[in-house]
Protein backbone atom coordinates (compact mmCIF):
# COMPACT_ATOMS: atom_id res chain seq x y z
CA MET A 1 139.65 162.92 71.94
CA GLU A 2 142.44 160.23 72.29
CA ALA A 3 144.97 159.25 69.12
CA GLU A 4 144.70 155.79 68.56
CA ASN A 5 146.57 153.22 65.98
CA LEU A 6 144.30 152.15 63.96
CA THR A 7 145.82 149.05 63.07
CA GLU A 8 144.33 147.15 64.89
CA LEU A 9 139.94 148.56 65.55
CA SER A 10 137.85 150.10 64.39
CA GLU A 11 135.89 152.42 61.49
CA PHE A 12 135.94 155.50 60.07
CA LEU A 13 132.97 157.69 59.40
CA LEU A 14 132.32 158.97 55.52
CA LEU A 15 130.10 161.96 55.94
CA GLY A 16 128.56 161.48 52.42
CA LEU A 17 127.51 164.39 50.27
CA SER A 18 124.86 165.31 52.26
CA ASP A 19 123.44 164.72 55.38
CA ASP A 20 119.94 165.82 54.46
CA PRO A 21 116.71 162.26 54.55
CA GLU A 22 115.13 163.54 51.99
CA LEU A 23 117.78 163.85 49.43
CA GLN A 24 119.28 160.32 50.32
CA PRO A 25 116.45 158.26 48.16
CA VAL A 26 117.57 160.59 45.30
CA LEU A 27 121.14 160.00 45.87
CA PHE A 28 120.83 155.77 46.48
CA GLY A 29 118.55 156.14 43.15
CA LEU A 30 120.96 158.15 40.48
CA PHE A 31 124.19 156.59 41.95
CA LEU A 32 122.88 152.92 41.59
CA SER A 33 121.69 153.76 37.87
CA MET A 34 125.28 155.60 37.01
CA TYR A 35 126.40 152.13 37.96
CA LEU A 36 124.39 150.24 36.19
CA VAL A 37 124.83 151.84 33.31
CA THR A 38 128.45 151.86 33.62
CA VAL A 39 129.32 148.82 34.41
CA LEU A 40 126.67 147.44 31.76
CA ARG A 41 128.46 149.85 29.12
CA ASN A 42 131.55 149.02 29.45
CA LEU A 43 131.40 145.06 29.53
CA LEU A 44 129.34 145.73 26.36
CA ILE A 45 132.61 146.75 24.89
CA ILE A 46 135.00 144.26 26.55
CA LEU A 47 132.53 141.33 25.00
CA ALA A 48 132.13 143.11 21.70
CA ILE A 49 136.32 143.70 21.42
CA SER A 50 136.45 139.98 22.41
CA SER A 51 134.79 138.38 20.62
CA ASP A 52 135.01 139.75 16.49
CA SER A 53 138.78 139.32 15.61
CA TYR A 54 137.90 142.28 13.10
CA LEU A 55 138.48 144.46 16.35
CA HIS A 56 141.72 142.07 17.86
CA THR A 57 144.40 145.22 17.21
CA PRO A 58 146.10 147.23 19.43
CA MET A 59 143.80 150.43 19.56
CA TYR A 60 140.95 148.19 20.83
CA PHE A 61 142.92 146.09 22.94
CA PHE A 62 143.62 149.48 25.14
CA LEU A 63 140.19 150.21 24.78
CA SER A 64 139.22 146.74 26.45
CA ASN A 65 141.52 147.28 29.17
CA LEU A 66 140.56 151.30 29.68
CA SER A 67 136.69 149.68 29.87
CA PHE A 68 138.01 146.71 32.32
CA LEU A 69 139.59 149.59 34.65
CA ASP A 70 136.71 151.95 34.72
CA THR A 71 134.23 148.57 36.04
CA CYS A 72 136.85 147.88 38.99
CA PHE A 73 137.39 152.12 39.30
CA ILE A 74 133.79 153.00 39.85
CA SER A 75 133.22 149.73 41.86
CA THR A 76 136.03 150.65 44.26
CA THR A 77 133.47 153.41 45.79
CA VAL A 78 130.00 153.36 44.74
CA PRO A 79 128.74 149.65 45.79
CA LYS A 80 130.24 150.52 49.97
CA MET A 81 128.59 154.36 49.38
CA LEU A 82 124.55 152.52 48.24
CA VAL A 83 125.34 150.17 51.18
CA ASN A 84 125.90 153.04 53.51
CA ILE A 85 122.82 155.15 51.94
CA GLN A 86 120.27 152.34 52.17
CA ALA A 87 121.41 150.93 55.91
CA ARG A 88 121.63 155.10 57.07
CA SER A 89 125.04 154.36 58.08
CA LYS A 90 128.63 156.03 57.55
CA ASP A 91 131.01 153.61 58.96
CA ILE A 92 133.69 151.98 56.81
CA SER A 93 136.58 149.83 58.88
CA TYR A 94 139.61 150.90 59.16
CA MET A 95 140.96 147.89 56.79
CA GLY A 96 137.89 148.59 54.53
CA CYS A 97 139.52 152.51 54.05
CA LEU A 98 142.69 151.11 53.90
CA THR A 99 141.81 148.30 50.88
CA GLN A 100 139.68 151.32 48.85
CA VAL A 101 142.86 154.11 48.83
CA TYR A 102 144.99 151.16 47.52
CA PHE A 103 142.36 150.37 44.82
CA LEU A 104 141.66 154.20 43.63
CA MET A 105 145.14 154.32 43.97
CA MET A 106 146.07 151.86 41.21
CA PHE A 107 142.93 152.03 38.97
CA ALA A 108 143.13 155.76 39.25
CA GLY A 109 147.16 155.46 38.15
CA MET A 110 146.19 152.67 35.36
CA ASP A 111 143.59 155.22 33.84
CA THR A 112 146.74 157.74 33.64
CA PHE A 113 148.94 155.57 32.12
CA LEU A 114 146.67 154.10 30.06
CA LEU A 115 145.74 156.78 28.09
CA ALA A 116 149.15 157.79 27.85
CA VAL A 117 149.68 154.18 25.86
CA MET A 118 146.57 155.28 24.11
CA ALA A 119 148.07 158.48 22.97
CA TYR A 120 151.56 156.87 21.83
CA ASP A 121 149.10 154.17 19.52
CA ARG A 122 147.12 156.93 18.02
CA PHE A 123 150.74 159.08 17.24
CA VAL A 124 152.07 156.09 15.33
CA ALA A 125 149.01 155.26 13.30
CA ILE A 126 149.29 158.80 12.30
CA CYS A 127 152.50 159.33 11.97
CA HIS A 128 154.09 156.06 11.10
CA PRO A 129 151.27 154.08 9.30
CA LEU A 130 153.70 152.08 7.47
CA GLN A 131 155.50 151.26 10.52
CA TYR A 132 152.24 151.13 12.62
CA THR A 133 151.52 146.81 12.61
CA VAL A 134 155.53 146.27 13.08
CA ILE A 135 155.94 149.48 16.35
CA MET A 136 152.83 148.49 17.96
CA ASN A 137 153.09 144.32 18.10
CA PRO A 138 150.89 142.12 20.78
CA HIS A 139 154.29 141.81 22.55
CA LEU A 140 154.96 145.47 22.93
CA CYS A 141 151.43 146.24 23.44
CA GLY A 142 151.20 143.37 26.62
CA LEU A 143 154.56 144.94 27.54
CA LEU A 144 153.36 148.52 28.27
CA VAL A 145 150.24 147.49 30.28
CA LEU A 146 152.31 145.05 32.57
CA ALA A 147 154.81 147.67 33.18
CA SER A 148 152.06 149.98 33.97
CA TRP A 149 150.39 147.57 36.28
CA PHE A 150 153.77 146.96 37.97
CA ILE A 151 154.46 150.45 38.52
CA ILE A 152 151.33 151.63 39.82
CA PHE A 153 151.01 148.35 41.60
CA TRP A 154 154.48 149.83 44.08
CA VAL A 155 153.21 152.97 44.32
CA SER A 156 150.24 152.32 45.82
CA LEU A 157 152.06 149.79 47.65
CA VAL A 158 154.05 152.55 49.05
CA HIS A 159 151.45 154.80 49.91
CA ILE A 160 149.70 151.85 52.18
CA LEU A 161 152.34 151.35 54.29
CA LEU A 162 153.31 155.40 55.07
CA MET A 163 149.19 155.42 55.80
CA LYS A 164 149.86 152.51 58.62
CA ARG A 165 152.09 154.97 60.38
CA LEU A 166 149.63 157.15 61.02
CA THR A 167 147.25 157.40 63.78
CA PHE A 168 143.62 158.79 64.24
CA SER A 169 141.08 159.28 66.26
CA THR A 170 138.60 157.04 68.01
CA GLY A 171 135.66 157.93 64.93
CA THR A 172 137.23 159.99 63.30
CA GLU A 173 135.22 161.60 60.57
CA ILE A 174 136.12 162.15 57.09
CA PRO A 175 133.91 164.87 54.84
CA HIS A 176 133.38 162.37 51.95
CA PHE A 177 131.65 159.99 49.94
CA PHE A 178 134.71 157.49 49.97
CA CYS A 179 138.26 157.36 51.64
CA GLU A 180 140.13 159.39 49.37
CA LEU A 181 143.99 159.57 50.01
CA ALA A 182 144.07 163.19 50.25
CA GLN A 183 141.20 163.68 52.80
CA VAL A 184 142.38 160.41 54.78
CA LEU A 185 145.61 162.21 55.40
CA LYS A 186 143.68 165.88 56.75
CA VAL A 187 141.95 163.90 59.22
CA ALA A 188 145.33 161.71 60.57
CA ARG A 189 146.50 162.81 64.07
CA SER A 190 149.99 162.61 63.50
CA ASP A 191 152.40 164.12 61.22
CA THR A 192 151.68 163.53 57.51
CA LEU A 193 154.69 165.50 56.07
CA LEU A 194 156.26 162.48 54.68
CA ASN A 195 153.25 161.28 53.45
CA ASN A 196 152.27 164.69 51.26
CA ILE A 197 155.23 164.73 49.79
CA VAL A 198 155.16 161.26 48.54
CA LEU A 199 151.88 162.20 47.40
CA TYR A 200 152.66 165.31 45.39
CA VAL A 201 155.23 162.41 43.73
CA ALA A 202 153.57 160.22 42.93
CA THR A 203 150.96 162.80 41.34
CA ALA A 204 153.53 164.71 39.32
CA LEU A 205 154.84 160.93 38.16
CA LEU A 206 151.37 159.59 37.83
CA GLY A 207 149.85 162.99 36.40
CA VAL A 208 151.81 165.27 34.91
CA PHE A 209 154.55 163.20 33.39
CA PRO A 210 151.39 161.11 31.64
CA VAL A 211 149.85 164.04 30.25
CA ALA A 212 152.92 165.74 28.89
CA GLY A 213 153.66 162.63 27.10
CA ILE A 214 149.78 162.61 25.74
CA LEU A 215 150.26 166.89 24.88
CA PHE A 216 153.78 165.91 22.89
CA SER A 217 152.12 163.32 21.23
CA TYR A 218 148.96 165.44 19.58
CA SER A 219 151.22 167.87 18.65
CA GLN A 220 153.22 165.59 16.48
CA ILE A 221 149.60 164.24 15.26
CA VAL A 222 148.24 167.63 14.53
CA SER A 223 151.92 168.66 12.85
CA SER A 224 151.41 165.10 10.30
CA LEU A 225 147.66 165.71 10.01
CA MET A 226 148.30 169.90 8.33
CA ARG A 227 150.04 167.68 6.12
CA MET A 228 148.08 165.50 5.40
CA SER A 229 145.91 165.58 2.26
CA SER A 230 143.13 163.57 2.20
CA THR A 231 139.99 165.37 3.83
CA GLU A 232 138.21 161.90 4.70
CA GLY A 233 141.60 161.08 6.64
CA LYS A 234 142.28 164.05 8.35
CA TYR A 235 138.35 163.80 9.89
CA LYS A 236 138.62 160.29 10.86
CA ALA A 237 142.27 161.03 12.68
CA PHE A 238 140.54 164.10 14.22
CA SER A 239 137.07 162.58 15.35
CA THR A 240 139.08 159.49 16.94
CA CYS A 241 141.70 161.78 18.97
CA GLY A 242 138.83 163.60 19.87
CA SER A 243 137.37 161.49 21.26
CA HIS A 244 140.92 159.75 23.19
CA LEU A 245 141.08 164.08 24.55
CA CYS A 246 137.42 164.78 25.66
CA VAL A 247 138.45 160.79 27.82
CA VAL A 248 141.39 163.00 29.33
CA SER A 249 140.55 165.96 29.69
CA LEU A 250 137.75 164.72 32.01
CA PHE A 251 139.98 162.08 33.94
CA ASN A 252 143.04 163.90 34.43
CA GLY A 253 141.82 167.52 34.50
CA THR A 254 139.23 166.67 37.92
CA GLY A 255 141.76 163.73 39.26
CA LEU A 256 144.77 166.30 39.32
CA GLY A 257 142.74 168.96 40.65
CA VAL A 258 142.06 166.92 43.71
CA TYR A 259 145.09 166.14 44.58
CA LEU A 260 146.98 169.44 43.80
CA SER A 261 144.42 171.50 45.28
CA SER A 262 144.27 169.41 48.67
CA ALA A 263 146.75 171.22 50.02
CA VAL A 264 145.74 174.81 49.60
CA THR A 265 141.60 174.70 49.93
CA HIS A 266 139.52 172.95 53.35
CA SER A 267 136.51 172.90 51.22
CA SER A 268 135.37 169.43 51.76
CA GLN A 269 132.23 170.01 49.47
CA SER A 270 134.01 171.08 46.39
CA SER A 271 137.11 168.64 46.12
CA SER A 272 133.78 165.88 46.94
CA MET A 273 132.07 167.04 43.69
CA ALA A 274 135.26 166.87 41.87
CA SER A 275 135.74 163.25 42.91
CA VAL A 276 132.30 162.59 41.24
CA MET A 277 133.29 163.89 38.14
CA TYR A 278 136.59 161.47 37.51
CA ALA A 279 135.52 158.66 39.93
CA MET A 280 131.85 158.07 38.70
CA VAL A 281 130.72 160.59 36.03
CA THR A 282 134.22 159.77 33.95
CA PRO A 283 133.80 156.21 34.01
CA MET A 284 130.46 156.14 32.55
CA LEU A 285 130.91 158.81 29.99
CA ASN A 286 133.95 156.70 28.39
CA PRO A 287 132.58 153.66 26.89
CA PHE A 288 130.32 156.49 24.75
CA ILE A 289 132.93 159.07 24.47
CA TYR A 290 134.96 156.52 23.14
CA SER A 291 133.90 153.64 22.34
CA LEU A 292 129.85 152.98 21.63
CA ARG A 293 130.02 156.34 19.01
CA ASN A 294 132.89 154.41 16.99
CA LYS A 295 130.86 152.31 13.93
CA ASP A 296 132.90 149.54 14.51
CA VAL A 297 132.07 148.68 18.00
CA LYS A 298 128.56 149.67 17.16
CA GLY A 299 128.49 147.20 14.41
CA VAL A 300 129.79 143.83 16.53
CA LEU A 301 127.03 145.54 19.29
CA GLY A 302 124.47 145.14 17.05
CA ARG A 303 125.06 141.81 15.53
CA LEU A 304 125.86 140.48 19.44
CA LEU A 305 122.16 141.63 20.55
CA ASN A 306 119.92 140.97 17.19
CA ARG A 307 122.18 136.98 17.92
CA ALA A 308 121.38 137.37 21.23
CA ALA A 309 117.60 138.39 20.92
CA SER A 310 116.65 135.65 18.45
CA CYS A 311 118.48 132.85 20.46
CA LEU A 312 116.63 133.77 23.45
CA LEU A 313 112.97 134.23 21.42
CA TRP A 314 112.91 131.46 19.02
CA GLY A 315 115.43 129.03 20.57
CA THR A 316 114.76 125.56 22.01
CA THR A 317 117.51 124.76 25.26
CA SER A 318 119.61 122.89 22.82
CA GLU A 319 120.07 125.75 20.11
CA LEU A 320 120.56 127.91 23.13
CA ARG A 321 123.42 125.76 23.81
CA GLY A 322 124.51 126.71 20.13
CA CYS A 323 123.55 130.20 20.36
CA TYR A 324 126.09 130.22 23.63
CA TRP A 325 128.65 129.07 21.72
CA SER A 326 128.20 130.86 18.44
CA LEU A 327 128.26 133.93 20.60
CA LYS A 328 131.67 132.97 22.46
CA GLN A 329 133.79 132.21 18.91
CA MET A 330 131.51 135.39 17.04
């Protein structure tokens, strides 16, 4: 095929997870259910944390940001995939693909940074409890999140600018269900050496270093817990840290595996399965692993749902308006 610069035209073809027509309704139902569950759970977490002043602490501030990122992350890929399955189409425009790559890089990088920040928060809370409120003040928390957004914005932009210099054949097929950077680079018709170098450097910066920071934080946490005499305190700390480590293992393990293996394997099927784990399964499980098992969050959600149910069942129009404002001010 003739190579063309796609800065002005056309489309890619996303091959998806399967070509079996009988499997398409199953995939549509499965992924639609996963998407709705993920969005609903994460929005409930954000609502609970924002509505209760008791949860306005650094840990829950970072949790609400994680829920927001998970909602954005899964919304970048799944809606387009569902539309393609329903329409029995495989196309995605060049600009649509570029947009997917950009936001996937940004939200995935932010997830990694935020998990590292959350590990630092737990380190300060457990190892320096008397200085916790002084160290993890609102100014520092906001600064950590804003700095992460700033870094990942420019890293993602560099990838997009480098992608725009590549050429592709018309109707290029991507053996994936979304535009993942590593897969897009594999089907480019021009030299991708510079792109791959930047990709692996970015993977190290956004993956390996934050994970190293997480491991260091937890080594200090474990050392501090071993010196703790209170069994109840140990259990509570291990419970919080265990949930965080589950999320880190799920997201970073599968995400790093996809990008680090992209240069040494040509198996699109294994890459797609790993991508399903970090792009869909992890955002769906995060609220349950990290938030919905938390008794404080469950208590707030219970009160919100009970109050909302009472308003809907028994309230008049004026009472419903009053319930709305009371729910906002909880």
